[in-house]
Each structure stands twice: as structure tokens, then as C-alpha cells.
Protein backbone atom coordinates (compact mmCIF):
# COMPACT_ATOMS: atom_id res chain seq x y z
CA MET A 1 86.11 114.08 117.31
CA ALA A 2 86.13 110.72 117.19
CA LYS A 3 86.49 109.16 113.63
CA ASN A 4 83.39 107.14 112.42
CA HIS A 5 84.15 103.63 112.58
CA GLU A 6 81.55 102.86 109.60
CA THR A 7 83.78 105.82 106.89
CA GLU A 8 86.97 105.54 108.69
CA HIS A 9 88.44 103.89 105.83
CA PRO A 10 87.51 103.14 102.34
CA VAL A 11 86.36 99.31 102.61
CA GLY A 12 82.98 98.36 103.69
CA ALA A 13 83.22 95.65 106.50
CA PHE A 14 80.69 93.34 108.58
CA GLY A 15 80.72 91.47 111.83
CA TRP A 16 79.81 91.26 115.32
CA ALA A 17 80.80 93.41 118.21
CA ALA A 18 80.31 94.01 122.32
CA ARG A 19 79.32 97.18 122.84
CA ASP A 20 80.09 96.60 126.36
CA THR A 21 81.17 94.79 129.29
CA SER A 22 78.00 92.86 129.42
CA GLY A 23 80.12 91.19 126.64
CA VAL A 24 77.10 90.41 124.57
CA LEU A 25 77.75 90.14 120.83
CA SER A 26 75.58 91.70 117.58
CA PRO A 27 75.78 92.98 114.30
CA PHE A 28 78.41 95.56 113.52
CA ASN A 29 78.81 97.71 110.38
CA PHE A 30 82.76 98.99 110.42
CA SER A 31 85.04 99.64 107.70
CA ARG A 32 88.50 98.42 106.66
CA ARG A 33 91.70 99.74 105.07
CA ALA A 34 92.02 99.82 101.38
CA THR A 35 94.98 97.25 100.44
CA GLY A 36 97.98 99.01 100.48
CA GLU A 37 101.79 97.81 98.59
CA TYR A 38 102.06 95.26 101.45
CA ASP A 39 98.90 94.00 102.44
CA VAL A 40 96.79 91.29 101.82
CA GLN A 41 92.95 91.60 101.84
CA PHE A 42 91.14 87.78 102.54
CA LYS A 43 87.72 87.14 102.57
CA VAL A 44 87.34 85.48 106.03
CA LEU A 45 85.66 81.78 105.97
CA TYR A 46 86.15 80.46 109.90
CA CYS A 47 87.16 81.99 112.89
CA GLY A 48 88.10 80.11 116.03
CA VAL A 49 86.94 81.42 119.53
CA CYS A 50 89.40 81.56 122.38
CA HIS A 51 88.78 82.33 125.84
CA SER A 52 90.88 85.53 125.69
CA ASP A 53 88.10 86.41 123.29
CA LEU A 54 85.32 86.19 126.38
CA HIS A 55 88.24 87.86 128.38
CA MET A 56 88.35 90.55 125.91
CA ALA A 57 84.52 90.95 125.43
CA LYS A 58 83.92 91.85 129.28
CA ASN A 59 86.51 93.21 129.57
CA GLU A 60 88.09 90.91 132.29
CA TRP A 61 91.37 92.29 131.76
CA GLY A 62 90.72 96.28 131.80
CA VAL A 63 92.21 96.98 128.05
CA THR A 64 88.78 96.93 126.01
CA LEU A 65 88.33 99.24 123.36
CA TYR A 66 84.96 99.38 122.60
CA PRO A 67 83.31 98.46 120.23
CA VAL A 68 85.25 95.12 119.92
CA VAL A 69 85.01 92.83 116.98
CA PRO A 70 86.73 89.91 118.83
CA GLY A 71 88.61 86.92 116.86
CA HIS A 72 92.25 85.85 116.38
CA GLU A 73 92.45 82.74 114.64
CA ILE A 74 91.51 83.78 111.43
CA VAL A 75 91.04 81.90 107.96
CA GLY A 76 90.22 82.91 104.54
CA VAL A 77 90.91 82.84 100.54
CA VAL A 78 92.81 86.18 99.48
CA THR A 79 91.11 88.32 97.69
CA GLU A 80 93.54 91.24 96.82
CA VAL A 81 97.18 91.46 96.98
CA GLY A 82 99.22 94.95 96.96
CA SER A 83 101.63 95.45 94.65
CA LYS A 84 104.96 94.26 96.55
CA VAL A 85 103.55 91.55 98.35
CA ASN A 86 105.55 88.39 97.02
CA LYS A 87 104.09 86.10 100.39
CA VAL A 88 100.48 85.00 98.37
CA LYS A 89 98.53 85.59 96.02
CA PRO A 90 94.92 85.80 95.17
CA GLY A 91 93.36 82.31 95.76
CA ASP A 92 95.63 80.97 98.07
CA ASN A 93 94.48 80.02 101.42
CA VAL A 94 96.06 81.86 104.19
CA GLY A 95 95.23 82.89 107.88
CA VAL A 96 96.24 85.84 110.68
CA GLY A 97 96.78 85.05 114.44
CA VAL A 98 97.01 86.98 117.73
CA LEU A 99 99.73 89.65 115.70
CA VAL A 100 98.38 92.34 112.93
CA GLY A 101 101.56 94.51 113.79
CA SER A 102 104.83 95.66 115.19
CA CYS A 103 107.97 97.52 115.61
CA ARG A 104 109.79 94.95 113.18
CA GLU A 105 112.94 96.80 114.00
CA CYS A 106 114.18 95.65 118.00
CA ASP A 107 115.93 93.03 118.88
CA GLN A 108 112.61 90.91 119.01
CA CYS A 109 111.79 91.58 115.78
CA THR A 110 114.76 91.18 114.33
CA ASN A 111 115.10 87.27 116.21
CA ASP A 112 111.60 86.82 115.07
CA LEU A 113 109.53 87.07 118.10
CA GLU A 114 107.35 89.56 117.08
CA ASN A 115 104.81 88.45 119.97
CA TYR A 116 107.10 90.27 122.50
CA CYS A 117 107.90 93.42 120.53
CA ALA A 118 107.19 96.56 123.47
CA LYS A 119 105.15 97.70 120.27
CA GLN A 120 103.43 94.59 119.14
CA ILE A 121 99.67 95.42 117.68
CA LEU A 122 96.78 93.05 118.55
CA THR A 123 94.78 91.32 115.65
CA TYR A 124 92.06 93.23 117.56
CA GLY A 125 91.18 95.93 120.44
CA ALA A 126 94.69 97.65 119.59
CA GLN A 127 95.62 100.77 118.09
CA TYR A 128 96.98 100.64 114.60
CA THR A 129 99.77 102.55 113.36
CA ASP A 130 97.51 104.67 111.49
CA GLY A 131 95.57 105.39 114.41
CA SER A 132 92.63 103.25 113.98
CA ILE A 133 91.51 100.23 115.58
CA THR A 134 92.18 97.06 114.87
CA TYR A 135 89.51 94.35 114.09
CA GLY A 136 89.28 90.83 114.59
CA GLY A 137 87.85 87.94 112.64
CA TYR A 138 84.43 87.73 114.15
CA SER A 139 83.62 89.77 110.45
CA ASP A 140 83.56 89.17 106.85
CA ILE A 141 86.97 90.46 105.66
CA MET A 142 90.19 90.99 107.06
CA VAL A 143 93.38 92.99 105.77
CA ALA A 144 96.67 92.47 107.15
CA HIS A 145 100.24 93.30 106.37
CA GLU A 146 102.32 90.28 104.47
CA HIS A 147 104.52 90.04 107.16
CA PHE A 148 101.45 88.83 109.36
CA ILE A 149 100.01 86.12 107.57
CA ILE A 150 100.65 82.68 107.95
CA ARG A 151 100.38 81.08 104.29
CA TRP A 152 97.94 77.81 104.60
CA PRO A 153 99.07 74.34 103.90
CA GLU A 154 97.47 72.92 100.89
CA ASN A 155 95.19 70.16 101.79
CA PHE A 156 95.27 71.29 105.29
CA PRO A 157 91.45 72.18 106.30
CA LEU A 158 90.61 75.46 107.01
CA ASP A 159 87.80 75.23 109.85
CA ILE A 160 88.98 72.50 112.07
CA GLY A 161 92.47 73.87 111.35
CA ALA A 162 91.81 77.46 112.51
CA PRO A 163 92.54 77.50 116.41
CA LEU A 164 96.17 76.01 115.89
CA LEU A 165 96.88 80.52 115.00
CA CYS A 166 96.51 80.82 118.98
CA ALA A 167 95.87 77.83 120.71
CA GLY A 168 98.26 75.58 118.47
CA ILE A 169 101.11 78.15 118.65
CA THR A 170 100.60 78.81 122.18
CA THR A 171 101.51 75.50 122.95
CA TYR A 172 104.29 74.58 120.22
CA SER A 173 106.34 77.42 121.59
CA PRO A 174 107.14 76.59 125.08
CA LEU A 175 107.17 73.12 124.03
CA LYS A 176 109.81 73.47 121.42
CA TYR A 177 111.76 76.58 123.56
CA PHE A 178 111.69 74.81 126.74
CA GLY A 179 113.23 71.85 125.38
CA LEU A 180 109.80 69.58 125.94
CA ASP A 181 109.93 68.62 122.78
CA LYS A 182 112.56 65.42 123.18
CA PRO A 183 111.61 61.56 122.28
CA GLY A 184 111.15 60.08 125.54
CA MET A 185 110.66 62.98 127.98
CA SER A 186 107.89 63.11 130.28
CA VAL A 187 105.68 66.18 129.99
CA GLY A 188 102.84 67.02 131.40
CA VAL A 189 99.26 68.85 130.64
CA VAL A 190 97.56 70.87 133.43
CA GLY A 191 94.04 71.14 131.70
CA LEU A 192 91.99 69.42 128.96
CA GLY A 193 90.39 72.49 127.42
CA GLY A 194 91.30 74.67 123.87
CA LEU A 195 94.71 74.62 124.93
CA GLY A 196 95.31 71.86 126.72
CA HIS A 197 94.05 69.00 124.41
CA VAL A 198 96.31 70.80 121.71
CA ALA A 199 98.88 70.65 123.76
CA VAL A 200 98.71 66.94 124.18
CA LYS A 201 98.53 66.22 120.66
CA PHE A 202 102.01 68.58 119.72
CA ALA A 203 103.95 67.00 123.07
CA LYS A 204 103.04 63.19 121.44
CA ALA A 205 103.96 64.18 118.13
CA PHE A 206 107.00 65.32 119.22
CA GLY A 207 107.67 61.53 120.89
CA THR A 208 107.13 62.33 124.32
CA LYS A 209 105.20 60.54 127.14
CA VAL A 210 102.23 62.78 128.00
CA THR A 211 100.35 62.97 131.41
CA VAL A 212 97.30 65.02 131.71
CA ILE A 213 96.27 66.97 134.72
CA SER A 214 92.98 67.77 135.39
CA THR A 215 89.93 68.13 138.26
CA SER A 216 87.68 66.22 136.18
CA ILE A 217 88.43 62.33 136.43
CA GLY A 218 85.31 62.37 133.49
CA LYS A 219 88.13 63.93 130.71
CA LYS A 220 89.70 60.57 131.40
CA LYS A 221 88.40 59.06 129.28
CA GLU A 222 89.12 61.26 126.03
CA ALA A 223 92.50 62.04 127.42
CA ILE A 224 94.05 58.52 127.00
CA GLU A 225 91.50 56.94 123.99
CA LEU A 226 90.44 60.46 122.02
CA LEU A 227 93.87 62.56 122.50
CA GLY A 228 96.47 59.63 122.98
CA ALA A 229 97.83 60.60 126.39
CA ASP A 230 99.73 58.23 128.91
CA GLU A 231 98.28 59.25 132.12
CA PHE A 232 95.54 60.79 133.45
CA LEU A 233 96.10 62.38 136.92
CA VAL A 234 92.92 64.00 138.98
CA SER A 235 95.00 66.50 141.08
CA ARG A 236 91.99 66.44 143.58
CA ASP A 237 92.90 63.31 144.13
CA PRO A 238 95.93 63.64 147.11
CA GLU A 239 97.24 59.64 146.55
CA GLN A 240 97.59 60.13 142.51
CA MET A 241 99.13 63.45 143.03
CA GLN A 242 101.35 62.35 145.75
CA ALA A 243 102.06 59.02 143.81
CA ALA A 244 103.16 60.84 140.50
CA ILE A 245 105.52 63.10 142.63
CA GLY A 246 109.05 64.03 140.63
CA THR A 247 108.40 62.21 137.83
CA LEU A 248 107.24 65.39 134.69
CA ASP A 249 110.38 66.75 133.07
CA GLY A 250 108.31 69.61 132.35
CA ILE A 251 104.70 70.45 132.86
CA ILE A 252 102.61 73.05 130.31
CA ASP A 253 99.69 74.83 132.21
CA THR A 254 96.92 75.74 130.05
CA VAL A 255 94.27 76.50 132.92
CA SER A 256 92.55 80.35 132.50
CA ALA A 257 91.13 79.63 136.54
CA THR A 258 92.84 80.36 139.63
CA HIS A 259 94.88 77.34 141.01
CA PRO A 260 97.50 76.90 143.48
CA LEU A 261 101.55 75.78 141.77
CA PRO A 262 102.99 73.96 145.24
CA PRO A 263 101.11 70.96 143.39
CA LEU A 264 102.30 71.07 139.95
CA LEU A 265 105.70 71.83 141.15
CA ALA A 266 106.51 68.85 143.22
CA LEU A 267 105.06 66.82 140.21
CA LEU A 268 108.92 67.97 138.85
CA LYS A 269 111.70 66.13 138.67
CA PRO A 270 114.43 68.58 140.29
CA HIS A 271 115.38 71.10 137.31
CA GLY A 272 112.15 70.74 135.93
CA LYS A 273 110.18 73.66 134.49
CA LEU A 274 106.33 74.53 135.02
CA ILE A 275 105.36 77.21 132.20
CA VAL A 276 102.27 79.08 132.62
CA VAL A 277 100.51 80.13 129.42
CA GLY A 278 96.85 80.37 130.33
CA ALA A 279 95.84 83.85 131.97
CA PRO A 280 94.08 84.01 134.80
CA GLU A 281 92.29 86.93 136.14
CA LYS A 282 93.70 86.96 139.35
CA LEU A 283 97.05 86.68 140.54
CA LEU A 284 99.19 83.32 141.36
CA GLU A 285 101.40 82.84 144.10
CA LEU A 286 104.91 82.25 143.87
CA PRO A 287 105.62 78.91 145.87
CA ALA A 288 109.33 80.42 146.28
CA PHE A 289 110.45 77.45 148.40
CA SER A 290 108.75 74.55 146.18
CA MET A 291 111.37 76.09 143.47
CA ILE A 292 114.14 76.13 145.42
CA ALA A 293 113.96 72.89 146.55
CA GLY A 294 114.98 70.93 142.95
CA ARG A 295 116.01 73.96 141.10
CA LYS A 296 112.52 74.45 139.58
CA THR A 297 111.42 76.77 136.96
CA ILE A 298 108.38 78.65 136.84
CA ALA A 299 108.01 80.29 133.24
CA GLY A 300 105.57 81.82 130.98
CA SER A 301 105.20 82.00 127.05
CA GLY A 302 102.82 84.15 124.83
CA ILE A 303 101.81 82.70 121.22
CA GLY A 304 105.11 82.98 118.90
CA GLY A 305 106.91 84.77 116.19
CA LEU A 306 105.78 85.04 113.09
CA LYS A 307 108.29 82.75 111.33
CA GLU A 308 107.44 80.13 114.50
CA THR A 309 104.34 79.99 113.30
CA GLN A 310 104.73 79.25 110.28
CA GLU A 311 106.86 76.67 111.24
CA MET A 312 104.22 74.88 113.70
CA ILE A 313 101.56 75.13 110.73
CA ASP A 314 103.54 73.39 108.85
CA PHE A 315 104.26 70.46 111.55
CA ALA A 316 100.91 70.26 112.22
CA ALA A 317 100.06 69.97 108.55
CA LYS A 318 102.96 67.04 107.80
CA ASN A 319 101.35 65.53 111.18
CA ASN A 320 98.06 65.41 110.93
CA ILE A 321 97.81 67.44 114.50
CA LEU A 322 93.99 68.78 114.49
CA PRO A 323 91.99 70.47 117.33
CA GLU A 324 88.66 68.93 118.43
CA VAL A 325 86.44 71.33 116.71
CA GLU A 326 82.53 72.88 117.37
CA VAL A 327 81.33 74.53 114.46
CA ILE A 328 78.89 77.31 114.99
CA PRO A 329 76.80 80.07 113.02
CA ILE A 330 77.86 83.41 114.04
CA ASP A 331 74.35 83.71 115.70
CA TYR A 332 74.78 81.26 117.79
CA VAL A 333 78.09 83.17 119.72
CA ASN A 334 76.98 84.44 122.51
CA THR A 335 75.42 81.00 123.54
CA ALA A 336 78.77 79.39 122.88
CA MET A 337 80.28 82.61 124.85
CA GLU A 338 78.31 81.13 127.85
CA ARG A 339 79.22 77.35 127.10
CA LEU A 340 82.65 78.48 126.80
CA LEU A 341 82.78 80.12 130.50
CA LYS A 342 81.26 76.79 131.82
CA SER A 343 84.24 74.77 129.60
CA ASP A 344 81.59 73.17 128.02
CA VAL A 345 83.01 72.53 124.46
CA LYS A 346 84.85 70.12 123.27
CA TYR A 347 87.01 71.47 122.58
CA ARG A 348 87.30 74.70 120.41
CA PHE A 349 84.63 76.69 118.84
CA VAL A 350 85.29 77.72 115.33
CA ILE A 351 82.69 80.18 113.72
CA ASP A 352 81.68 79.66 109.91
CA VAL A 353 82.06 83.01 109.23
CA ALA A 354 81.43 82.81 105.16
CA LYS A 355 78.14 80.78 105.30
CA SER A 356 76.54 82.39 108.24
CA MET A 357 77.47 85.92 108.50
CA LYS A 358 75.31 88.10 106.15
CA SER A 359 75.61 91.82 106.31
CA GLU A 360 72.26 94.19 107.63
């Protein structure tokens, strides 16, 4: 017999959930576990809206467990800690990103790469170690093991900074890992949405020359004047793309729609790297000849481990790297999802959970 999500655990919680593939979110009463000896409980203040929230709400990846409470860009203030917690204390500002669990024993985990653990536990829509389903940050409270808690830098904005817990680490990690963080390098960023605009900011902070590649000429002004990009290419303009062939050391591809890769590979210098961080529903074609001619690499990258996520947040605070956000109340979230589907946001929605979410 299935457990009742309202009484499964002792701590009452309230959020907004999708119940079916319509993806429509509505008020939802459920429960959180009691704070264990290594757990941190916190009041959720803000939660970013990631494109993957939309995919999961509609079960577009075929893995959604309903009801699903999305949200993995979660920030708030600690209300209670377990007896063995050393990382934070009540009153501290903290964050939780995409992960709330992993095996902690495999080669990936012991090398601070929990994001590649085969037994990773996602912040929402996954099964936790006690058999219960995880619920995300579109909710009033959160409980997580201290290992998966991010310490929030002092005087760093919680509302504006929240999307860094997914969009930030998703772009910071590949820039670092693939060596695209060296001053003077030429880095391309494909797509200027929630991920892309943060990628531009990190790449600029590393001292690279940044070229934004987009289908829309309408984004050129903001890319250069607001975000600090050095160049802008309209990917649908053959002359512009031809003129830029062989000019980039690497590209961060943030697009979550199906798109051709050969034109992007052509922009790379020999030995260049195209790193895919967007997650299209349909398969991308692998252009073998385009890779062979120039020993080019197509790679993927997914978020980052907890150590690197903390490093990213600290780097962002030190360099004043903040996403461009639109703060919304929870009852606007379905409209926000519709706008997100049309790329009608500059550049990330953040839900003001504390002020707008009232239990029913």
C-alpha cells in the first residue's frame, strides 16, 4: 500500500506540485522527515525556476514520479540542525542545488564528483534512502544532509543568486574542467537564456574573450552591453558564421532544443572543444567528419560536485557574478512556465517562496 505523502514523515510541509503530464502546478500538502543527526532544516526563502523543472513537470524525459514538487535552486535560512552537524548553525543562510544524496563511497564521490555517482539522489522526483520520494524547493521548508548543503556567502543576495545553484555550476564546471578559464582564450556561448547568460558572466570573469552565438539578432544589444560579451554571431547568418570559422578555443552549448552541431564545430580551432550542457528532448546527430577534421571534441557536463559548487558560489560572490532574474510569486508559476517555454524571460525566474507561499 502506498504511503500517504501528508503523513509519511512527522514534519508538515506545503508546496506546489504537478500531478500529471499537463505540468500544471497547484497547492500540495506533504511532509518532510524529522531533522536527523546530520541533517539541516531550513526555511525556504527563494527558489529558482530551471528549464528542467518544466521538463519534469510534464514528464518529457519519461522519469517523473507524480506528484512532483519541482525546484533545485533553493536558498533559505537554517531553522534547525542535527546534533552532529558542524557545517552550519541556525540563522545561517544556505542553499541546496540539484543533489540531496549519493553513495558517498564510490570513486566519483570520494573525488568530490557526487554529480556523477551512479546512486545520486536528485533534490526532487527521486527515491531517497528511506524509500520516500524527494520534493523540491517550490515548498516552505527543506531538510537535507549537511554534506549537500551549500554555505551562502555573507552579503551575497539570496534572491538573485539562487539560480547559481544549477545554472551557475552547470556552466562554471565545464569552463574549469575543460580548461576554458584561461585569460585571453576565445570562448563561445550558444544560447542566451538562463544558462547562457551566466556562462557569459563566468567566462568574462575568467578573463576570456566571449562570443555569444544565437538565432536571434534581438539579443545582441543585451549580450554586449548588459552581459559584457565581446562578439555576437547570428547562427542563421551564413556570412557571419563563415567569417568566424576556426576562431574559438571552446564552446559552451546551453541550448535545450534540437539543433545542428556541424556549424558550431566549424567555429572551433583545431583541438577545440564543444561542451553540451543543454538537454534536448531528441537526440543530437554526431557529425564524425567535423570532429575528425581538426581533432575536435564533443563532450557533455552535468552540474558539479558539492566541493566545486561551494567553490563556484564563493567565486561568484567574490567577483559579483549574479544572474539576471525576474522575481515572481508562487501563484504566477504556471504563467512563468508558459513564458519559459517561449523563452520569454530575461533570464531566470525566481519564486519568492517566503512571501507568497501560504499553506492551505
